Amino acid sequence: MTKKPSNPIKRWAILSAIALEMGAIIYLFVQLGKWLDASYNDGGKLYLILCTLAGVGISLFLVVKQTNRLNS
């Protein structure tokens, strides 16, 4: 088991890092979708939508996993 951070500033820093990680993952997946659309899909947005949804899903999974670890 991991120890809870006793310092509230440390806890806020960890939560801020989780938020930045979530934003970075979603941004990278959106960029991947744009690139796939430009390369393989003439004028469509299929890959953009699919990659965005995948990025949101993955980032939410990681956020839940990290916050559960933080609270245990």
Protein backbone atom coordinates (compact mmCIF):
# COMPACT_ATOMS: atom_id res chain seq x y z
CA MET A 1 0.00 0.00 0.00
CA THR A 2 1.13 3.51 -0.73
CA LYS A 3 1.03 6.26 1.83
CA LYS A 4 -1.36 9.18 1.45
CA PRO A 5 0.33 12.51 0.90
CA SER A 6 -0.04 14.31 4.22
CA ASN A 7 0.78 17.73 2.78
CA PRO A 8 -2.21 19.36 1.04
CA ILE A 9 0.11 21.19 -1.37
CA LYS A 10 1.63 17.88 -2.44
CA ARG A 11 -1.86 16.46 -2.97
CA TRP A 12 -2.84 19.42 -5.15
CA ALA A 13 0.39 19.04 -7.14
CA ILE A 14 -0.39 15.38 -7.79
CA LEU A 15 -3.95 16.20 -8.88
CA SER A 16 -2.67 18.98 -11.15
CA ALA A 17 -0.22 16.59 -12.76
CA ILE A 18 -3.05 14.12 -13.37
CA ALA A 19 -5.06 16.87 -15.09
CA LEU A 20 -2.10 17.85 -17.28
CA GLU A 21 -1.56 14.21 -18.20
CA MET A 22 -5.21 13.88 -19.18
CA GLY A 23 -5.00 16.97 -21.38
CA ALA A 24 -1.80 15.78 -23.05
CA ILE A 25 -3.24 12.35 -23.85
CA ILE A 26 -6.40 13.81 -25.38
CA TYR A 27 -4.38 16.36 -27.38
CA LEU A 28 -2.06 13.69 -28.79
CA PHE A 29 -4.97 11.47 -29.81
CA VAL A 30 -6.71 14.41 -31.51
CA GLN A 31 -3.54 15.17 -33.45
CA LEU A 32 -3.27 11.50 -34.43
CA GLY A 33 -6.86 11.59 -35.69
CA LYS A 34 -6.19 14.72 -37.73
CA TRP A 35 -3.11 13.16 -39.27
CA LEU A 36 -4.95 9.94 -40.10
CA ASP A 37 -7.79 11.91 -41.70
CA ALA A 38 -5.37 13.95 -43.77
CA SER A 39 -3.49 10.84 -44.87
CA TYR A 40 -6.22 8.26 -45.42
CA ASN A 41 -9.64 9.93 -45.38
CA ASP A 42 -10.42 12.58 -48.01
CA GLY A 43 -12.31 15.34 -46.23
CA GLY A 44 -13.88 13.11 -43.59
CA LYS A 45 -13.56 13.29 -39.82
CA LEU A 46 -13.99 9.61 -38.95
CA TYR A 47 -10.47 9.08 -37.59
CA LEU A 48 -10.60 12.37 -35.67
CA ILE A 49 -13.79 11.32 -33.89
CA LEU A 50 -12.58 7.79 -33.18
CA CYS A 51 -9.18 8.89 -31.90
CA THR A 52 -10.71 11.63 -29.75
CA LEU A 53 -13.08 9.16 -28.12
CA ALA A 54 -10.24 6.68 -27.59
CA GLY A 55 -8.09 9.41 -26.03
CA VAL A 56 -10.86 10.48 -23.66
CA GLY A 57 -11.55 6.87 -22.68
CA ILE A 58 -7.89 6.07 -22.03
CA SER A 59 -7.32 9.27 -20.08
CA LEU A 60 -10.41 8.70 -17.92
CA PHE A 61 -9.27 5.15 -17.20
CA LEU A 62 -5.85 6.41 -16.12
CA VAL A 63 -7.35 9.20 -14.00
CA VAL A 64 -9.60 6.76 -12.13
CA LYS A 65 -6.70 4.37 -11.62
CA GLN A 66 -4.39 7.11 -10.30
CA THR A 67 -7.00 8.70 -8.01
CA ASN A 68 -7.85 5.30 -6.55
CA ARG A 69 -4.16 4.78 -5.83
CA LEU A 70 -3.99 8.27 -4.31
CA ASN A 71 -6.93 7.60 -1.99
CA SER A 72 -5.83 4.16 -0.83
